[in-house]
Amino acid sequence: MKKKITGISLCLLLCLTACGKQAETVTDYGNGATSAKAAADDKMDVSTESGSVAPTEQTESSGVRPGHTLSEWLGGTEFEWKSTFSVGTYPAEADVSFRIAKDEEDRQKLLEESVNNYPALETDTLPAWRATGIKPEDVREAETVQSFLGDTAKEVRGGVSYSGGDAENVVDVCRGFAGRSSSDREEAAQHFDDSTYIWASWVDEEDQFIHTYEGKYMGADYQLTIGYLEKQRQKVISFFPKNPAAIVGDPEIQYAETSENEGFMIRESEDHWEWKTLDELGLAANRTTKNLETLRKEGEQFLKEKLNCTLFDDELKIDNTSEIVFSKEGIDNWTMSGNVSGAIRNGYYASLNWQFGNQSILRGEDGNEGNQGEIWLTDQGVIGVCVYISYDFAECLSDQVEILPFDKAMTAMEQQIAENLDLSRVEGHGPKLIFQNLGIYYYPVKSPSNANEYIFVPAWSVDLLASGGNFYIGKIFLNATDGSLIYIHYYADDPEE
């Protein structure tokens, strides 16, 4: 999705903690429904009571394939899951490929070539993390306001009017901006998707709150929005200048946008779009003089001081293609004119690396990513932040956990689906069940003894379809360490969803 601000724009962030060299044990997590049979064939050390795995020392007698890389655990770099079996009265078919890429360039190539395949990156790190869910008290509103705006903070209150929006769209719940006129600045826009908005500056409801403040930061007028959404268990923090002109010193500047891959998709005419690099657009070189490593360290320090969560060391990712462009007219690829006259390249945006062991982190039952966010940096320091925080990653339980070989994992997948799929979700959408989009991720498995505690472990995810591949039934999550079913997320009846 294209990211921009009209006065204020919001992006994505993740807060993690450093992974120490812990003992290789992960216990007492899972839903109790294991598929120990698949693992037992290879004498894996599987806990059938907790649905968890306690990694053992790798020996020939253990039956575990030796090695610590993802490909060594799985048994290769190229796999095919081809199988036919039954789920109740329905025939099921899997015809899926899975690849392990040696690096990001290789992964992008595989993505372009593949069908129904999410290639994974090779890694020798497969950690397990303990995390706690975010509760309302974890927002620490007063402390956060003080850390960002100090004694200059003032509440911004106003009426609430709805013009559409879907509160279940978690990623865009607080994509907001302050307007350029004084009247517009009385409200913060909460953007739920690309076309609908909820306008609110101060909301207190039973299942959420959104509070907006104004104040001074680096001598400029800033807006801080803090919220909590109970259904998503997320705290949201947005912090951006009310007017981008204050950052670059040009009073005509009205917009700040992030270029992606060194350019923008520009609308040349009513029905013609064309990709243009920043150089092709005639924009001068970036005015930032600090090197990227210096900016990254400054960004990490800022987040540690301001966000009231412990960051994962060396996980702020920034590169020279991630630039901020300040412009007099917007150059957003959907709604603006693409006029770059007088635009300025000045600064970079950086994302937190929301991955464990090169694999993406999922937030939970809906399969969306976990904590997300972005930070904007110039020579002046951090100029903008947007975060969505669902978990506090408090402790690394293991730097390396064992996972099942690929064939055993897919056998467990078939068994768990056959035993646990709600066939009422399939009625009227048959005649056959089909698997697509196999990938490996990190997923939060709930603790049986603490409702607010989770362990993130490697997990397989696959989409289940019916009706010749035209209707999505749901997404299945399988614990890669022991073959236990974590969760089945059923989609809405509308195939578009």
Protein backbone atom coordinates (compact mmCIF):
# COMPACT_ATOMS: atom_id res chain seq x y z
CA MET A 1 0.00 0.00 0.00
CA LYS A 2 1.25 3.47 -0.84
CA LYS A 3 2.11 5.52 2.23
CA LYS A 4 1.66 9.31 2.39
CA ILE A 5 0.81 12.09 4.78
CA THR A 6 -1.27 15.20 4.24
CA GLY A 7 0.15 16.96 7.26
CA ILE A 8 0.40 13.56 9.03
CA SER A 9 0.77 10.02 7.60
CA LEU A 10 0.91 6.73 9.42
CA CYS A 11 2.85 3.57 8.73
CA LEU A 12 3.81 0.29 10.52
CA LEU A 13 6.04 -0.92 13.50
CA LEU A 14 7.13 -3.86 15.71
CA CYS A 15 8.57 -3.94 19.22
CA LEU A 16 10.73 -6.94 20.15
CA THR A 17 13.29 -7.92 22.75
CA ALA A 18 16.78 -9.27 22.20
CA CYS A 19 17.06 -13.03 21.97
CA GLY A 20 19.53 -14.40 24.47
CA LYS A 21 21.25 -17.75 24.44
CA GLN A 22 18.61 -19.64 26.38
CA ALA A 23 18.27 -23.35 27.01
CA GLU A 24 16.55 -25.04 24.11
CA THR A 25 13.24 -25.85 25.76
CA VAL A 26 9.73 -24.72 24.95
CA THR A 27 7.04 -26.11 27.16
CA ASP A 28 3.46 -25.74 28.32
CA TYR A 29 2.06 -24.09 25.21
CA GLY A 30 -0.43 -25.36 22.68
CA ASN A 31 -4.07 -26.32 22.41
CA GLY A 32 -3.62 -29.88 23.56
CA ALA A 33 -4.50 -31.31 20.13
CA THR A 34 -1.25 -32.75 18.90
CA SER A 35 -0.48 -34.93 15.96
CA ALA A 36 2.18 -36.92 17.70
CA LYS A 37 1.86 -39.85 15.29
CA ALA A 38 3.65 -38.06 12.47
CA ALA A 39 6.50 -37.07 14.73
CA ALA A 40 6.71 -40.35 16.60
CA ASP A 41 7.61 -42.17 13.40
CA ASP A 42 10.91 -40.27 13.52
CA LYS A 43 11.14 -40.49 17.33
CA MET A 44 10.74 -36.74 17.74
CA ASP A 45 10.49 -35.57 21.35
CA VAL A 46 6.88 -34.38 21.29
CA SER A 47 4.82 -33.46 24.32
CA THR A 48 1.36 -34.83 23.59
CA GLU A 49 -0.12 -33.24 26.70
CA SER A 50 0.79 -29.62 26.02
CA GLY A 51 1.00 -29.60 22.24
CA SER A 52 4.59 -28.38 22.46
CA VAL A 53 8.05 -29.60 21.63
CA ALA A 54 11.10 -29.77 23.84
CA PRO A 55 14.10 -29.76 21.49
CA THR A 56 16.56 -32.53 22.08
CA GLU A 57 20.24 -32.89 21.37
CA GLN A 58 20.69 -33.90 17.76
CA THR A 59 22.00 -37.46 17.50
CA GLU A 60 21.61 -40.18 14.95
CA SER A 61 19.63 -42.22 17.45
CA SER A 62 17.08 -39.45 17.99
CA GLY A 63 15.84 -39.77 14.42
CA VAL A 64 16.15 -35.99 13.95
CA ARG A 65 17.79 -34.94 10.72
CA PRO A 66 21.08 -33.29 11.67
CA GLY A 67 21.69 -29.60 11.03
CA HIS A 68 20.46 -26.24 12.23
CA THR A 69 19.30 -24.53 9.05
CA LEU A 70 15.69 -24.44 7.90
CA SER A 71 16.49 -26.59 4.87
CA GLU A 72 18.26 -29.17 7.03
CA TRP A 73 15.33 -29.40 9.43
CA LEU A 74 12.86 -29.78 6.56
CA GLY A 75 15.05 -32.12 4.53
CA GLY A 76 15.89 -30.06 1.42
CA THR A 77 15.20 -26.77 -0.36
CA GLU A 78 12.50 -27.79 -2.87
CA PHE A 79 9.33 -29.62 -1.87
CA GLU A 80 6.02 -30.68 -3.33
CA TRP A 81 2.98 -31.58 -1.30
CA LYS A 82 0.94 -33.78 -3.60
CA SER A 83 -1.73 -35.80 -1.93
CA THR A 84 -5.35 -36.87 -2.17
CA PHE A 85 -7.34 -37.79 0.91
CA SER A 86 -10.82 -37.44 2.41
CA VAL A 87 -12.31 -34.98 4.84
CA GLY A 88 -15.63 -36.46 5.86
CA THR A 89 -17.49 -37.09 2.60
CA TYR A 90 -15.40 -34.54 0.69
CA PRO A 91 -12.39 -35.48 -1.45
CA ALA A 92 -9.38 -33.25 -0.73
CA GLU A 93 -6.42 -32.50 -2.96
CA ALA A 94 -3.05 -30.89 -2.26
CA ASP A 95 -0.82 -29.97 -5.19
CA VAL A 96 1.46 -27.33 -3.69
CA SER A 97 5.13 -26.48 -4.07
CA PHE A 98 7.35 -24.95 -1.41
CA ARG A 99 10.83 -23.51 -1.89
CA ILE A 100 13.59 -22.18 0.33
CA ALA A 101 15.47 -19.23 -1.15
CA LYS A 102 19.14 -18.62 -0.41
CA ASP A 103 18.70 -14.83 -0.16
CA GLU A 104 16.16 -12.05 -0.74
CA GLU A 105 17.02 -11.71 -4.43
CA ASP A 106 16.43 -15.42 -4.92
CA ARG A 107 13.17 -15.21 -2.98
CA GLN A 108 11.85 -12.40 -5.18
CA LYS A 109 12.68 -14.45 -8.26
CA LEU A 110 10.83 -17.45 -6.86
CA LEU A 111 7.81 -15.27 -6.04
CA GLU A 112 7.64 -14.11 -9.65
CA GLU A 113 7.91 -17.64 -10.98
CA SER A 114 5.77 -19.50 -8.46
CA VAL A 115 2.10 -20.32 -8.27
CA ASN A 116 0.45 -20.89 -4.89
CA ASN A 117 3.83 -20.77 -3.19
CA TYR A 118 5.26 -18.45 -0.53
CA PRO A 119 9.01 -19.18 -0.56
CA ALA A 120 10.88 -18.98 2.72
CA LEU A 121 14.34 -17.56 3.30
CA GLU A 122 17.08 -19.90 4.42
CA THR A 123 18.05 -19.35 8.04
CA ASP A 124 20.05 -20.98 10.80
CA THR A 125 17.92 -19.27 13.46
CA LEU A 126 14.57 -20.71 14.48
CA PRO A 127 13.88 -19.09 17.85
CA ALA A 128 10.89 -19.32 20.13
CA TRP A 129 9.65 -16.20 21.92
CA ARG A 130 7.42 -15.59 24.91
CA ALA A 131 5.11 -12.63 24.51
CA THR A 132 2.31 -10.97 26.43
CA GLY A 133 -0.76 -9.38 24.90
CA ILE A 134 -1.34 -5.64 25.20
CA LYS A 135 -3.94 -4.59 27.76
CA PRO A 136 -5.43 -1.09 28.21
CA GLU A 137 -3.07 -0.34 31.10
CA ASP A 138 -0.11 -1.15 28.84
CA VAL A 139 -0.84 1.97 26.79
CA ARG A 140 0.59 4.08 29.65
CA GLU A 141 -0.99 7.14 28.15
CA ALA A 142 0.18 9.85 30.54
CA GLU A 143 3.75 8.60 30.43
CA THR A 144 3.70 8.37 26.64
CA VAL A 145 2.29 11.88 26.21
CA GLN A 146 4.97 13.27 28.50
CA SER A 147 7.75 11.44 26.65
CA PHE A 148 6.68 12.80 23.26
CA LEU A 149 5.40 16.32 24.00
CA GLY A 150 6.45 17.09 27.55
CA ASP A 151 4.67 19.97 29.27
CA THR A 152 3.58 21.46 25.91
CA ALA A 153 0.92 18.76 25.42
CA LYS A 154 -2.69 19.91 25.13
CA GLU A 155 -5.75 17.76 24.59
CA VAL A 156 -7.59 18.09 21.28
CA ARG A 157 -11.25 17.31 21.76
CA GLY A 158 -14.05 17.44 19.25
CA GLY A 159 -17.16 15.77 17.96
CA VAL A 160 -17.23 12.42 16.26
CA SER A 161 -18.79 11.82 12.87
CA TYR A 162 -18.62 8.61 10.87
CA SER A 163 -18.35 8.44 7.09
CA GLY A 164 -17.86 4.70 6.86
CA GLY A 165 -15.08 2.40 7.95
CA ASP A 166 -14.55 -1.09 9.24
CA ALA A 167 -13.04 -1.36 12.70
CA GLU A 168 -11.89 -4.90 11.95
CA ASN A 169 -9.35 -3.64 9.42
CA VAL A 170 -6.61 -3.67 12.02
CA VAL A 171 -3.66 -2.44 9.99
CA ASP A 172 -5.37 0.82 8.99
CA VAL A 173 -7.36 1.55 12.14
CA CYS A 174 -5.30 4.64 12.95
CA ARG A 175 -3.96 5.89 9.63
CA GLY A 176 -4.54 9.58 10.28
CA PHE A 177 -3.56 13.13 9.50
CA ALA A 178 -4.04 16.67 10.77
CA GLY A 179 -5.42 19.03 8.16
CA ARG A 180 -3.76 22.18 6.88
CA SER A 181 -6.51 24.56 7.98
CA SER A 182 -7.09 25.51 11.60
CA SER A 183 -10.57 23.96 11.57
CA ASP A 184 -9.29 20.68 10.15
CA ARG A 185 -6.68 20.49 12.87
CA GLU A 186 -9.38 20.15 15.48
CA GLU A 187 -9.77 16.52 14.45
CA ALA A 188 -7.55 13.56 13.71
CA ALA A 189 -8.57 11.38 10.79
CA GLN A 190 -8.61 7.69 11.52
CA HIS A 191 -8.29 5.84 8.22
CA PHE A 192 -9.74 2.34 8.10
CA ASP A 193 -9.06 1.52 4.46
CA ASP A 194 -8.37 3.26 1.16
CA SER A 195 -11.79 4.87 0.82
CA THR A 196 -13.56 5.22 4.17
CA TYR A 197 -12.79 7.23 7.26
CA ILE A 198 -13.86 7.73 10.83
CA TRP A 199 -13.19 11.27 12.05
CA ALA A 200 -12.45 11.59 15.72
CA SER A 201 -10.18 13.57 18.00
CA TRP A 202 -11.31 12.15 21.34
CA VAL A 203 -13.23 8.90 21.67
CA ASP A 204 -14.07 6.96 24.82
CA GLU A 205 -16.15 3.89 24.15
CA GLU A 206 -16.56 0.58 25.91
CA ASP A 207 -14.23 -1.30 23.57
CA GLN A 208 -11.81 1.44 22.47
CA PHE A 209 -10.41 4.85 23.13
CA ILE A 210 -8.65 7.33 20.86
CA HIS A 211 -7.08 10.45 22.35
CA THR A 212 -5.38 13.26 20.44
CA TYR A 213 -2.87 15.81 21.72
CA GLU A 214 -0.99 18.74 20.27
CA GLY A 215 2.30 20.20 21.38
CA LYS A 216 5.82 21.17 20.47
CA TYR A 217 8.59 18.88 19.29
CA MET A 218 11.85 20.17 17.83
CA GLY A 219 10.26 23.64 17.80
CA ALA A 220 7.46 22.53 15.45
CA ASP A 221 3.74 21.91 16.01
CA TYR A 222 3.12 18.18 16.35
CA GLN A 223 0.09 15.97 16.78
CA LEU A 224 0.09 12.82 18.91
CA THR A 225 -2.73 10.29 18.69
CA ILE A 226 -2.92 7.45 21.22
CA GLY A 227 -5.50 4.71 21.12
CA TYR A 228 -6.43 1.25 22.28
CA LEU A 229 -8.70 -1.19 20.44
CA GLU A 230 -9.92 -4.00 22.65
CA LYS A 231 -11.00 -6.39 19.90
CA GLN A 232 -7.59 -6.26 18.28
CA ARG A 233 -5.74 -5.91 21.60
CA GLN A 234 -3.73 -3.11 20.03
CA LYS A 235 -2.35 0.14 21.25
CA VAL A 236 -1.80 2.69 18.50
CA ILE A 237 0.58 5.64 18.60
CA SER A 238 0.81 8.22 15.81
CA PHE A 239 3.24 11.14 16.02
CA PHE A 240 3.76 13.49 13.08
CA PRO A 241 4.20 17.22 12.36
CA LYS A 242 1.00 19.10 11.64
CA ASN A 243 2.71 20.78 8.73
CA PRO A 244 5.61 19.16 6.82
CA ALA A 245 6.85 22.64 5.89
CA ALA A 246 8.18 22.98 9.43
CA ILE A 247 10.60 20.12 8.79
CA VAL A 248 12.15 21.40 5.56
CA GLY A 249 11.73 25.14 6.04
CA ASP A 250 9.67 25.77 2.90
CA PRO A 251 6.23 27.30 3.68
CA GLU A 252 4.81 26.04 0.38
CA ILE A 253 5.42 22.39 1.26
CA GLN A 254 2.15 20.65 2.13
CA TYR A 255 2.82 16.94 1.71
CA ALA A 256 5.33 14.33 2.81
CA GLU A 257 5.35 10.90 1.20
CA THR A 258 7.53 7.81 1.23
CA SER A 259 8.92 6.62 -2.08
CA GLU A 260 9.00 2.90 -2.62
CA ASN A 261 11.86 1.35 -4.59
CA GLU A 262 13.17 4.80 -5.41
CA GLY A 263 10.10 6.13 -7.15
CA PHE A 264 6.38 6.65 -7.58
CA MET A 265 3.63 5.46 -9.89
CA ILE A 266 2.64 8.68 -11.65
CA ARG A 267 -0.68 9.30 -13.37
CA GLU A 268 0.22 10.55 -16.84
CA SER A 269 -3.38 10.75 -18.03
CA GLU A 270 -6.86 9.62 -17.07
CA ASP A 271 -6.17 6.00 -17.94
CA HIS A 272 -2.37 5.81 -18.07
CA TRP A 273 0.01 5.28 -15.17
CA GLU A 274 3.77 5.09 -15.38
CA TRP A 275 6.49 4.23 -12.88
CA LYS A 276 9.03 7.01 -12.44
CA THR A 277 12.21 6.89 -10.38
CA LEU A 278 13.13 9.91 -8.30
CA ASP A 279 15.94 10.68 -10.72
CA GLU A 280 13.58 10.47 -13.69
CA LEU A 281 11.28 12.89 -11.92
CA GLY A 282 14.13 15.36 -11.82
CA LEU A 283 14.43 15.46 -8.04
CA ALA A 284 17.81 16.43 -6.60
CA ALA A 285 19.84 14.05 -4.45
CA ASN A 286 18.78 13.44 -0.87
CA ARG A 287 19.84 16.34 1.36
CA THR A 288 20.45 14.06 4.36
CA THR A 289 24.15 14.06 5.27
CA LYS A 290 24.14 11.39 7.99
CA ASN A 291 24.86 7.86 6.88
CA LEU A 292 22.17 5.22 7.16
CA GLU A 293 23.80 3.41 10.07
CA THR A 294 23.87 6.62 12.13
CA LEU A 295 20.21 7.28 11.33
CA ARG A 296 19.30 3.71 12.24
CA LYS A 297 20.97 3.94 15.64
CA GLU A 298 19.29 7.27 16.34
CA GLY A 299 15.93 5.73 15.44
CA GLU A 300 16.44 2.74 17.71
CA GLN A 301 17.38 4.97 20.62
CA PHE A 302 14.31 7.15 20.07
CA LEU A 303 11.98 4.17 20.06
CA LYS A 304 13.53 2.75 23.22
CA GLU A 305 12.99 6.06 25.01
CA LYS A 306 9.49 6.88 23.78
CA LEU A 307 7.41 3.78 23.18
CA ASN A 308 7.46 2.10 26.60
CA CYS A 309 8.46 -1.26 25.17
CA THR A 310 11.74 -3.11 24.80
CA LEU A 311 13.09 -3.15 21.28
CA PHE A 312 14.81 -6.00 19.52
CA ASP A 313 18.46 -5.01 19.01
CA ASP A 314 19.59 -4.24 15.46
CA GLU A 315 16.15 -4.80 13.99
CA LEU A 316 15.41 -1.36 12.55
CA LYS A 317 15.72 -1.80 8.78
CA ILE A 318 16.62 1.16 6.59
CA ASP A 319 18.07 1.35 3.08
CA ASN A 320 18.79 4.01 0.51
CA THR A 321 15.66 3.24 -1.53
CA SER A 322 13.36 4.20 1.37
CA GLU A 323 13.25 7.96 0.94
CA ILE A 324 10.92 10.71 2.14
CA VAL A 325 9.79 13.23 -0.46
CA PHE A 326 8.34 16.59 0.60
CA SER A 327 6.18 18.23 -2.07
CA LYS A 328 3.90 21.21 -2.74
CA GLU A 329 1.35 18.99 -4.43
CA GLY A 330 0.81 15.34 -3.61
CA ILE A 331 2.41 12.67 -5.77
CA ASP A 332 0.35 9.84 -4.41
CA ASN A 333 -0.39 7.31 -7.13
CA TRP A 334 -4.15 7.23 -6.57
CA THR A 335 -5.54 10.65 -5.81
CA MET A 336 -3.00 13.39 -6.50
CA SER A 337 -1.70 15.03 -9.64
CA GLY A 338 1.85 13.78 -9.58
CA ASN A 339 3.31 17.29 -9.77
CA VAL A 340 6.84 17.22 -8.36
CA SER A 341 7.71 20.84 -9.03
CA GLY A 342 9.63 22.10 -6.01
CA ALA A 343 9.67 18.68 -4.31
CA ILE A 344 12.51 17.90 -1.88
CA ARG A 345 14.19 14.57 -1.13
CA ASN A 346 15.20 14.75 2.51
CA GLY A 347 15.32 11.79 4.87
CA TYR A 348 14.45 8.12 5.05
CA TYR A 349 11.84 5.86 6.57
CA ALA A 350 12.74 2.67 8.40
CA SER A 351 10.65 -0.34 9.38
CA LEU A 352 11.19 -2.67 12.27
CA ASN A 353 12.12 -6.14 11.09
CA TRP A 354 8.97 -8.00 12.13
CA GLN A 355 10.47 -11.42 11.56
CA PHE A 356 11.96 -14.25 13.58
CA GLY A 357 14.50 -16.40 11.79
CA ASN A 358 13.72 -14.67 8.45
CA GLN A 359 10.06 -15.68 8.69
CA SER A 360 7.19 -13.19 9.00
CA ILE A 361 5.32 -12.87 12.28
CA LEU A 362 1.55 -13.26 12.26
CA ARG A 363 -0.62 -11.49 14.81
CA GLY A 364 -3.12 -14.18 15.59
CA GLU A 365 -6.38 -15.74 14.56
CA ASP A 366 -6.98 -13.61 11.47
CA GLY A 367 -3.50 -14.29 10.09
CA ASN A 368 -2.49 -10.63 9.88
CA GLU A 369 1.03 -9.56 10.72
CA GLY A 370 2.00 -8.80 14.30
CA ASN A 371 3.16 -5.49 15.75
CA GLN A 372 3.84 -3.13 12.93
CA GLY A 373 5.16 0.33 12.33
CA GLU A 374 7.54 2.76 10.75
CA ILE A 375 9.79 5.61 11.78
CA TRP A 376 10.78 8.68 9.70
CA LEU A 377 14.29 10.13 9.99
CA THR A 378 16.19 13.18 8.75
CA ASP A 379 19.38 14.94 9.82
CA GLN A 380 17.25 16.63 12.49
CA GLY A 381 16.44 13.29 14.02
CA VAL A 382 13.18 11.34 14.19
CA ILE A 383 10.38 13.37 12.60
CA GLY A 384 7.53 10.84 12.60
CA VAL A 385 6.38 7.56 14.09
CA CYS A 386 3.37 5.28 13.68
CA VAL A 387 3.00 2.05 15.65
CA TYR A 388 0.43 -0.69 16.11
CA ILE A 389 1.42 -2.83 19.09
CA SER A 390 -0.37 -6.09 19.89
CA TYR A 391 2.36 -7.91 21.82
CA ASP A 392 5.26 -7.20 24.09
CA PHE A 393 7.96 -9.70 23.12
CA ALA A 394 9.46 -10.09 26.54
CA GLU A 395 11.72 -13.14 26.44
CA CYS A 396 13.56 -15.40 24.01
CA LEU A 397 12.97 -18.98 25.14
CA SER A 398 15.26 -20.63 22.62
CA ASP A 399 17.57 -19.62 19.80
CA GLN A 400 16.83 -22.87 17.98
CA VAL A 401 13.82 -25.16 18.14
CA GLU A 402 13.40 -28.37 16.21
CA ILE A 403 10.77 -28.57 13.49
CA LEU A 404 9.30 -31.58 11.76
CA PRO A 405 10.63 -32.69 8.36
CA PHE A 406 8.43 -31.43 5.54
CA ASP A 407 6.78 -34.74 4.73
CA LYS A 408 5.88 -35.38 8.37
CA ALA A 409 4.47 -31.87 8.75
CA MET A 410 2.23 -32.29 5.72
CA THR A 411 1.05 -35.67 6.97
CA ALA A 412 0.13 -33.99 10.24
CA MET A 413 -1.62 -31.19 8.29
CA GLU A 414 -3.82 -33.71 6.49
CA GLN A 415 -4.65 -35.50 9.72
CA GLN A 416 -5.51 -32.34 11.64
CA ILE A 417 -7.74 -31.01 8.88
CA ALA A 418 -9.55 -34.32 8.55
CA GLU A 419 -10.17 -34.42 12.30
CA ASN A 420 -10.97 -30.76 13.00
CA LEU A 421 -12.45 -29.03 9.94
CA ASP A 422 -15.99 -27.72 10.46
CA LEU A 423 -17.71 -29.32 7.48
CA SER A 424 -20.72 -27.01 7.85
CA ARG A 425 -18.43 -24.31 6.42
CA VAL A 426 -18.10 -26.35 3.23
CA GLU A 427 -21.75 -27.18 2.58
CA GLY A 428 -22.95 -25.74 -0.69
CA HIS A 429 -19.43 -24.85 -1.82
CA GLY A 430 -18.07 -28.24 -2.88
CA PRO A 431 -17.52 -30.62 -4.47
CA LYS A 432 -13.80 -30.81 -3.64
CA LEU A 433 -11.41 -29.28 -1.10
CA ILE A 434 -8.20 -27.75 -2.42
CA PHE A 435 -5.03 -26.52 -0.66
CA GLN A 436 -3.17 -23.42 -1.83
CA ASN A 437 -0.63 -20.84 -0.66
CA LEU A 438 1.54 -22.87 1.67
CA GLY A 439 4.00 -20.88 3.76
CA ILE A 440 5.92 -20.96 7.02
CA TYR A 441 5.52 -18.13 9.52
CA TYR A 442 5.67 -17.37 13.22
CA TYR A 443 2.37 -17.67 15.06
CA PRO A 444 1.36 -16.96 18.68
CA VAL A 445 0.29 -20.11 20.52
CA LYS A 446 -1.70 -19.40 23.66
CA SER A 447 -0.50 -20.49 27.07
CA PRO A 448 -2.91 -22.90 28.78
CA SER A 449 -2.23 -21.31 32.18
CA ASN A 450 -2.17 -17.58 31.32
CA ALA A 451 -4.78 -16.09 28.98
CA ASN A 452 -2.53 -13.13 28.22
CA GLU A 453 0.64 -15.07 27.46
CA TYR A 454 1.75 -16.57 24.17
CA ILE A 455 4.70 -18.28 22.60
CA PHE A 456 5.64 -17.49 19.00
CA VAL A 457 6.78 -20.64 17.22
CA PRO A 458 7.39 -21.62 13.59
CA ALA A 459 4.07 -22.57 12.03
CA TRP A 460 2.75 -23.71 8.68
CA SER A 461 -0.08 -21.78 7.08
CA VAL A 462 -2.19 -22.97 4.17
CA ASP A 463 -5.38 -21.74 2.53
CA LEU A 464 -8.24 -24.19 2.12
CA LEU A 465 -10.56 -23.68 -0.84
CA ALA A 466 -13.57 -25.39 -2.35
CA SER A 467 -15.59 -25.28 -5.54
CA GLY A 468 -12.70 -25.75 -7.93
CA GLY A 469 -10.56 -23.19 -6.15
CA ASN A 470 -13.12 -20.39 -6.34
CA PHE A 471 -14.26 -20.25 -2.72
CA TYR A 472 -11.94 -19.70 0.26
CA ILE A 473 -13.04 -21.70 3.28
CA GLY A 474 -10.32 -20.71 5.69
CA LYS A 475 -6.68 -20.66 6.68
CA ILE A 476 -5.11 -23.44 8.73
CA PHE A 477 -2.20 -22.89 11.13
CA LEU A 478 -0.13 -25.91 12.15
CA ASN A 479 2.64 -25.91 14.75
CA ALA A 480 5.81 -26.75 12.79
CA THR A 481 7.54 -28.12 15.88
CA ASP A 482 5.14 -30.96 16.62
CA GLY A 483 2.35 -31.09 14.02
CA SER A 484 -0.36 -29.89 16.40
CA LEU A 485 -3.24 -27.81 15.11
CA ILE A 486 -2.98 -24.23 16.32
CA TYR A 487 -6.08 -22.70 14.78
CA ILE A 488 -8.41 -22.68 11.79
CA HIS A 489 -9.51 -19.21 10.75
CA TYR A 490 -12.74 -19.41 8.74
CA TYR A 491 -13.34 -16.72 6.15
CA ALA A 492 -16.63 -14.94 5.62
CA ASP A 493 -19.15 -16.47 3.24
CA ASP A 494 -18.28 -13.87 0.61
CA PRO A 495 -15.46 -15.34 -1.52
CA GLU A 496 -14.16 -11.80 -2.05
CA GLU A 497 -13.22 -11.74 1.62
